[in-house]
Structures are given as structure tokens and as C-alpha cells.
Amino acid sequence: MASLRLVPSPAGIRPADVADAAGIAAVYRPYVTVSVASFETAPPDAAELARRMLGAPRLPWFVACRDGVVVGYAYAAPHRTRAAYRWSVDCSVYLAAAERGAGTGRALYERLLPAVRDLGYVTAFAGIALPNPASVGLHTALGFTAVGTYRAVGFKSGRWHDVGWFQLPLREPPAEPVEPGEWSTTPG
């Protein structure tokens, strides 16, 4: 008889702060060192991740925790640096291996995406190194649609990789948009 894998409920989700940077680094490290899901080639340390978390414009970061340990995170970053792109963000989610399939990626995005929308952003994008059916499945289940593929855009682990780009409208594009806000984990 085949054994059943018990999938835990999603981990607890909360806003991340710089004290979480070491836990975030631990979750992210295997995506850099043994995977092509990230195109970074050297894993950033906690100090570098804290710098990214506080970078301008300040955008949301959320962590998933189980028993006080970071087991996943999601964040938004500027889509591009030119001024006309400032209403768009790129979103990413990373999970510890044991957390995959537990609904934690969805739970993280269900906190991240409304937070980004509430800051005044109009569109979220996600770049996914292909093939990655789990990530494509998560993003499409959340309403992202495929908008194109960059072919052979990154070289890592001895070969070229494609990246699929996915888009999610966060709100109707306003005729005259107001400047998007910066994220704060403190009320008011």
C-alpha cells in the first residue's frame, strides 16, 4: 500500500522585517545554489537581503513561519527603473522544500498582492524560469496570465534557460495615476 504524504496547513503569514533576513537567506540559498529558479549565482547573505528589503521604493515583504522559523517568503520589487514603469512590480515567492504543496505560496501571495494594490500599483509581473510547472500553476491559479517568453535569456548550470513572463492586473489603470505609496509595517 502506498504511503500518503500528510500536507500541513499553510504556515502563519506576517509582514517581514530585517530580523527575518537570515531566515529568508536560508530559504533562498538552495534556489541559487542547486536550482535555476533564481538567476543569481551567489546566494545573498542576511545583510544583503536586509538592504533589499529596505530599498527605495519600499515595497512589501511577507514571511511564512512555522514554530518561529521562516519557511517561505514573498516580496514585490520595482518592475523596471525607468519612471513610466513605476506603477508596476515584479513579485516572487520562495518556499522551503518541506513547505511546497501546503498552500503556503498561495497564502503568501494572498497577503502580498492586496498590499501592493493598496499602495497604488496597477500591474504585477512574475518571471518564471522554465520549465517550472509548480510555479506556473500557482501563478495561473492566482489569476496571472502568460504574456511571453524570453528564450535563452539566462545561462546557469551549464546551459541556457527560458523565462516565462506572467502578468496580473491589480486594478483598472487610471487615466491619471497618483504616485504609488511606500510600504510600512506600522499602521498610519
C-alpha atoms as a PDB file:
ATOM      1  CA  MET A   1       0.000   0.000   0.000  1.00  0.00           C
ATOM      2  CA  ALA A   2       1.341   3.424  -0.959  1.00  0.00           C
ATOM      3  CA  SER A   3       2.059   5.814   1.856  1.00  0.00           C
ATOM      4  CA  LEU A   4       0.178   9.081   1.986  1.00  0.00           C
ATOM      5  CA  ARG A   5       2.049  12.346   2.401  1.00  0.00           C
ATOM      6  CA  LEU A   6       0.369  14.477   5.002  1.00  0.00           C
ATOM      7  CA  VAL A   7       0.294  18.076   3.850  1.00  0.00           C
ATOM      8  CA  PRO A   8       0.229  20.548   6.710  1.00  0.00           C
ATOM      9  CA  SER A   9      -1.983  23.602   6.701  1.00  0.00           C
ATOM     10  CA  PRO A  10      -0.335  26.788   5.394  1.00  0.00           C
ATOM     11  CA  ALA A  11       2.194  28.375   7.705  1.00  0.00           C
ATOM     12  CA  GLY A  12       1.422  31.607   9.540  1.00  0.00           C
ATOM     13  CA  ILE A  13       1.971  34.704   7.393  1.00  0.00           C
ATOM     14  CA  ARG A  14       3.145  38.090   8.648  1.00  0.00           C
ATOM     15  CA  PRO A  15       4.988  41.173   7.377  1.00  0.00           C
ATOM     16  CA  ALA A  16       8.736  40.594   7.219  1.00  0.00           C
ATOM     17  CA  ASP A  17      11.322  42.815   8.845  1.00  0.00           C
ATOM     18  CA  VAL A  18      15.111  42.892   8.762  1.00  0.00           C
ATOM     19  CA  ALA A  19      15.246  40.481  11.711  1.00  0.00           C
ATOM     20  CA  ASP A  20      13.881  37.862   9.275  1.00  0.00           C
ATOM     21  CA  ALA A  21      16.702  38.359   6.763  1.00  0.00           C
ATOM     22  CA  ALA A  22      18.754  35.356   7.960  1.00  0.00           C
ATOM     23  CA  GLY A  23      15.714  33.072   7.729  1.00  0.00           C
ATOM     24  CA  ILE A  24      14.892  34.444   4.279  1.00  0.00           C
ATOM     25  CA  ALA A  25      18.506  33.848   3.205  1.00  0.00           C
ATOM     26  CA  ALA A  26      18.273  30.224   4.385  1.00  0.00           C
ATOM     27  CA  VAL A  27      15.086  29.615   2.365  1.00  0.00           C
ATOM     28  CA  TYR A  28      16.519  31.315  -0.735  1.00  0.00           C
ATOM     29  CA  ARG A  29      20.009  29.749  -0.698  1.00  0.00           C
ATOM     30  CA  PRO A  30      19.064  26.427  -2.419  1.00  0.00           C
ATOM     31  CA  TYR A  31      17.236  28.306  -5.181  1.00  0.00           C
ATOM     32  CA  VAL A  32      20.571  29.956  -6.003  1.00  0.00           C
ATOM     33  CA  THR A  33      22.976  27.069  -5.391  1.00  0.00           C
ATOM     34  CA  VAL A  34      21.152  23.962  -6.690  1.00  0.00           C
ATOM     35  CA  SER A  35      18.366  25.335  -8.860  1.00  0.00           C
ATOM     36  CA  VAL A  36      17.808  27.562 -11.861  1.00  0.00           C
ATOM     37  CA  ALA A  37      14.651  29.115 -10.357  1.00  0.00           C
ATOM     38  CA  SER A  38      16.851  32.099  -9.468  1.00  0.00           C
ATOM     39  CA  PHE A  39      19.372  33.501 -11.912  1.00  0.00           C
ATOM     40  CA  GLU A  40      21.606  34.725  -9.096  1.00  0.00           C
ATOM     41  CA  THR A  41      24.825  32.711  -8.943  1.00  0.00           C
ATOM     42  CA  ALA A  42      25.970  33.566  -5.411  1.00  0.00           C
ATOM     43  CA  PRO A  43      23.463  33.410  -2.552  1.00  0.00           C
ATOM     44  CA  PRO A  44      22.978  36.785  -0.855  1.00  0.00           C
ATOM     45  CA  ASP A  45      23.625  36.915   2.874  1.00  0.00           C
ATOM     46  CA  ALA A  46      21.301  38.338   5.511  1.00  0.00           C
ATOM     47  CA  ALA A  47      22.834  41.820   5.269  1.00  0.00           C
ATOM     48  CA  GLU A  48      22.221  41.971   1.521  1.00  0.00           C
ATOM     49  CA  LEU A  49      18.647  40.755   1.897  1.00  0.00           C
ATOM     50  CA  ALA A  50      18.007  43.331   4.636  1.00  0.00           C
ATOM     51  CA  ARG A  51      19.328  46.017   2.258  1.00  0.00           C
ATOM     52  CA  ARG A  52      16.934  44.824  -0.442  1.00  0.00           C
ATOM     53  CA  MET A  53      14.016  44.798   1.995  1.00  0.00           C
ATOM     54  CA  LEU A  54      14.632  48.454   2.879  1.00  0.00           C
ATOM     55  CA  GLY A  55      15.419  49.657  -0.657  1.00  0.00           C
ATOM     56  CA  ALA A  56      13.522  52.547  -2.206  1.00  0.00           C
ATOM     57  CA  PRO A  57      10.760  52.480  -3.029  1.00  0.00           C
ATOM     58  CA  ARG A  58       9.947  50.354  -0.011  1.00  0.00           C
ATOM     59  CA  LEU A  59       7.711  47.501  -1.145  1.00  0.00           C
ATOM     60  CA  PRO A  60       6.051  44.674   0.790  1.00  0.00           C
ATOM     61  CA  TRP A  61       7.826  41.551   2.011  1.00  0.00           C
ATOM     62  CA  PHE A  62       5.968  38.792   3.866  1.00  0.00           C
ATOM     63  CA  VAL A  63       7.274  35.689   5.600  1.00  0.00           C
ATOM     64  CA  ALA A  64       5.652  32.360   6.343  1.00  0.00           C
ATOM     65  CA  CYS A  65       6.669  30.929   9.711  1.00  0.00           C
ATOM     66  CA  ARG A  66       6.200  27.594  11.410  1.00  0.00           C
ATOM     67  CA  ASP A  67       7.220  27.271  15.060  1.00  0.00           C
ATOM     68  CA  GLY A  68       9.069  30.582  14.807  1.00  0.00           C
ATOM     69  CA  VAL A  69      11.139  29.518  11.780  1.00  0.00           C
ATOM     70  CA  VAL A  70      10.896  31.234   8.380  1.00  0.00           C
ATOM     71  CA  VAL A  71       9.745  28.588   5.874  1.00  0.00           C
ATOM     72  CA  GLY A  72       8.873  30.860   2.971  1.00  0.00           C
ATOM     73  CA  TYR A  73       8.624  34.432   1.811  1.00  0.00           C
ATOM     74  CA  ALA A  74       7.169  36.604  -0.913  1.00  0.00           C
ATOM     75  CA  TYR A  75       8.062  40.111  -1.949  1.00  0.00           C
ATOM     76  CA  ALA A  76       7.499  42.811  -4.535  1.00  0.00           C
ATOM     77  CA  ALA A  77      10.214  44.785  -6.305  1.00  0.00           C
ATOM     78  CA  PRO A  78      10.139  47.539  -8.924  1.00  0.00           C
ATOM     79  CA  HIS A  79       9.458  46.109 -12.386  1.00  0.00           C
ATOM     80  CA  ARG A  80      11.957  48.375 -14.139  1.00  0.00           C
ATOM     81  CA  THR A  81      13.851  51.531 -13.193  1.00  0.00           C
ATOM     82  CA  ARG A  82      12.534  53.986 -15.789  1.00  0.00           C
ATOM     83  CA  ALA A  83       9.909  56.358 -14.416  1.00  0.00           C
ATOM     84  CA  ALA A  84       6.987  55.274 -16.614  1.00  0.00           C
ATOM     85  CA  TYR A  85       7.187  51.759 -15.130  1.00  0.00           C
ATOM     86  CA  ARG A  86       6.703  52.936 -11.539  1.00  0.00           C
ATOM     87  CA  TRP A  87       3.135  51.574 -11.271  1.00  0.00           C
ATOM     88  CA  SER A  88       4.288  48.013 -11.990  1.00  0.00           C
ATOM     89  CA  VAL A  89       6.027  45.498  -9.726  1.00  0.00           C
ATOM     90  CA  ASP A  90       7.688  42.121 -10.034  1.00  0.00           C
ATOM     91  CA  CYS A  91       6.598  39.527  -7.478  1.00  0.00           C
ATOM     92  CA  SER A  92       8.382  36.417  -6.248  1.00  0.00           C
ATOM     93  CA  VAL A  93       7.674  33.651  -3.758  1.00  0.00           C
ATOM     94  CA  TYR A  94      10.134  31.101  -2.360  1.00  0.00           C
ATOM     95  CA  LEU A  95       9.412  28.169  -0.052  1.00  0.00           C
ATOM     96  CA  ALA A  96      11.457  25.703   1.961  1.00  0.00           C
ATOM     97  CA  ALA A  97      11.271  22.279   0.298  1.00  0.00           C
ATOM     98  CA  ALA A  98       9.056  20.802   3.027  1.00  0.00           C
ATOM     99  CA  GLU A  99       6.576  23.667   2.585  1.00  0.00           C
ATOM    100  CA  ARG A 100       5.770  23.028  -1.080  1.00  0.00           C
ATOM    101  CA  GLY A 101       2.234  21.802  -1.685  1.00  0.00           C
ATOM    102  CA  ALA A 102       0.912  23.043   1.663  1.00  0.00           C
ATOM    103  CA  GLY A 103      -0.799  26.170   0.301  1.00  0.00           C
ATOM    104  CA  THR A 104       1.837  28.463   1.780  1.00  0.00           C
ATOM    105  CA  GLY A 105       2.830  30.015  -1.562  1.00  0.00           C
ATOM    106  CA  ARG A 106      -0.793  30.936  -2.208  1.00  0.00           C
ATOM    107  CA  ALA A 107      -1.195  32.266   1.350  1.00  0.00           C
ATOM    108  CA  LEU A 108       1.891  34.468   0.929  1.00  0.00           C
ATOM    109  CA  TYR A 109       0.649  35.886  -2.369  1.00  0.00           C
ATOM    110  CA  GLU A 110      -2.831  36.434  -0.903  1.00  0.00           C
ATOM    111  CA  ARG A 111      -1.195  38.849   1.561  1.00  0.00           C
ATOM    112  CA  LEU A 112       1.348  40.351  -0.839  1.00  0.00           C
ATOM    113  CA  LEU A 113      -0.827  41.165  -3.847  1.00  0.00           C
ATOM    114  CA  PRO A 114      -3.527  43.162  -1.981  1.00  0.00           C
ATOM    115  CA  ALA A 115      -0.786  45.064  -0.110  1.00  0.00           C
ATOM    116  CA  VAL A 116       0.816  46.050  -3.416  1.00  0.00           C
ATOM    117  CA  ARG A 117      -2.554  47.023  -4.921  1.00  0.00           C
ATOM    118  CA  ASP A 118      -3.387  49.136  -1.856  1.00  0.00           C
ATOM    119  CA  LEU A 119      -0.178  51.117  -2.376  1.00  0.00           C
ATOM    120  CA  GLY A 120      -1.470  52.199  -5.796  1.00  0.00           C
ATOM    121  CA  TYR A 121       0.323  49.745  -8.062  1.00  0.00           C
ATOM    122  CA  VAL A 122      -1.550  48.741 -11.217  1.00  0.00           C
ATOM    123  CA  THR A 123       0.144  45.591 -12.515  1.00  0.00           C
ATOM    124  CA  ALA A 124       2.180  42.723 -11.054  1.00  0.00           C
ATOM    125  CA  PHE A 125       4.569  40.608 -13.107  1.00  0.00           C
ATOM    126  CA  ALA A 126       6.317  37.334 -12.370  1.00  0.00           C
ATOM    127  CA  GLY A 127       9.245  35.899 -14.285  1.00  0.00           C
ATOM    128  CA  ILE A 128       9.489  32.104 -14.055  1.00  0.00           C
ATOM    129  CA  ALA A 129      12.489  30.080 -15.258  1.00  0.00           C
ATOM    130  CA  LEU A 130      11.066  27.333 -17.441  1.00  0.00           C
ATOM    131  CA  PRO A 131      10.119  24.587 -17.084  1.00  0.00           C
ATOM    132  CA  ASN A 132       8.584  25.050 -13.643  1.00  0.00           C
ATOM    133  CA  PRO A 133       5.048  23.605 -13.618  1.00  0.00           C
ATOM    134  CA  ALA A 134       4.534  24.205  -9.881  1.00  0.00           C
ATOM    135  CA  SER A 135       5.280  27.930 -10.125  1.00  0.00           C
ATOM    136  CA  VAL A 136       3.333  28.334 -13.363  1.00  0.00           C
ATOM    137  CA  GLY A 137       0.399  26.521 -11.704  1.00  0.00           C
ATOM    138  CA  LEU A 138       0.498  28.763  -8.618  1.00  0.00           C
ATOM    139  CA  HIS A 139       0.644  31.972 -10.639  1.00  0.00           C
ATOM    140  CA  THR A 140      -2.105  30.988 -13.075  1.00  0.00           C
ATOM    141  CA  ALA A 141      -4.316  29.803 -10.193  1.00  0.00           C
ATOM    142  CA  LEU A 142      -3.968  33.301  -8.725  1.00  0.00           C
ATOM    143  CA  GLY A 143      -5.025  34.960 -11.986  1.00  0.00           C
ATOM    144  CA  PHE A 144      -1.678  35.685 -13.644  1.00  0.00           C
ATOM    145  CA  THR A 145      -1.714  35.154 -17.413  1.00  0.00           C
ATOM    146  CA  ALA A 146       1.225  34.298 -19.640  1.00  0.00           C
ATOM    147  CA  VAL A 147       2.346  37.264 -21.716  1.00  0.00           C
ATOM    148  CA  GLY A 148       5.502  35.935 -23.320  1.00  0.00           C
ATOM    149  CA  THR A 149       8.719  34.002 -23.070  1.00  0.00           C
ATOM    150  CA  TYR A 150      12.270  35.299 -23.167  1.00  0.00           C
ATOM    151  CA  ARG A 151      14.127  32.495 -24.962  1.00  0.00           C
ATOM    152  CA  ALA A 152      17.647  31.555 -23.825  1.00  0.00           C
ATOM    153  CA  VAL A 153      17.811  34.669 -21.644  1.00  0.00           C
ATOM    154  CA  GLY A 154      19.899  33.252 -18.788  1.00  0.00           C
ATOM    155  CA  PHE A 155      22.909  30.941 -18.679  1.00  0.00           C
ATOM    156  CA  LYS A 156      23.279  28.941 -15.477  1.00  0.00           C
ATOM    157  CA  SER A 157      24.339  25.414 -14.559  1.00  0.00           C
ATOM    158  CA  GLY A 158      25.970  24.884 -17.930  1.00  0.00           C
ATOM    159  CA  ARG A 159      23.026  25.690 -20.177  1.00  0.00           C
ATOM    160  CA  TRP A 160      20.670  28.403 -21.430  1.00  0.00           C
ATOM    161  CA  HIS A 161      17.241  28.885 -19.829  1.00  0.00           C
ATOM    162  CA  ASP A 162      13.977  30.467 -20.926  1.00  0.00           C
ATOM    163  CA  VAL A 163      11.905  32.710 -18.672  1.00  0.00           C
ATOM    164  CA  GLY A 164       8.136  32.898 -18.987  1.00  0.00           C
ATOM    165  CA  TRP A 165       6.564  36.210 -18.023  1.00  0.00           C
ATOM    166  CA  PHE A 166       3.178  36.362 -16.350  1.00  0.00           C
ATOM    167  CA  GLN A 167       1.012  39.414 -15.641  1.00  0.00           C
ATOM    168  CA  LEU A 168      -1.718  40.152 -13.128  1.00  0.00           C
ATOM    169  CA  PRO A 169      -3.805  43.337 -13.261  1.00  0.00           C
ATOM    170  CA  LEU A 170      -4.147  44.666  -9.713  1.00  0.00           C
ATOM    171  CA  ARG A 171      -6.609  47.436 -10.596  1.00  0.00           C
ATOM    172  CA  GLU A 172      -8.087  49.189 -13.597  1.00  0.00           C
ATOM    173  CA  PRO A 173      -5.388  51.513 -14.982  1.00  0.00           C
ATOM    174  CA  PRO A 174      -6.414  55.068 -14.025  1.00  0.00           C
ATOM    175  CA  ALA A 175      -6.315  57.817 -16.650  1.00  0.00           C
ATOM    176  CA  GLU A 176      -4.226  59.981 -14.300  1.00  0.00           C
ATOM    177  CA  PRO A 177      -2.463  57.737 -11.765  1.00  0.00           C
ATOM    178  CA  VAL A 178      -1.325  59.066  -8.425  1.00  0.00           C
ATOM    179  CA  GLU A 179       2.161  58.184  -7.253  1.00  0.00           C
ATOM    180  CA  PRO A 180       2.289  54.739  -5.655  1.00  0.00           C
ATOM    181  CA  GLY A 181       2.943  54.730  -1.936  1.00  0.00           C
ATOM    182  CA  GLU A 182       5.718  53.170   0.081  1.00  0.00           C
ATOM    183  CA  TRP A 183       5.053  50.201   2.302  1.00  0.00           C
ATOM    184  CA  SER A 184       5.163  50.457   6.054  1.00  0.00           C
ATOM    185  CA  THR A 185       4.601  47.680   8.539  1.00  0.00           C
ATOM    186  CA  THR A 186       3.355  50.178  11.111  1.00  0.00           C
ATOM    187  CA  PRO A 187      -0.252  51.455  10.993  1.00  0.00           C
ATOM    188  CA  GLY A 188      -0.993  55.003   9.909  1.00  0.00           C
END
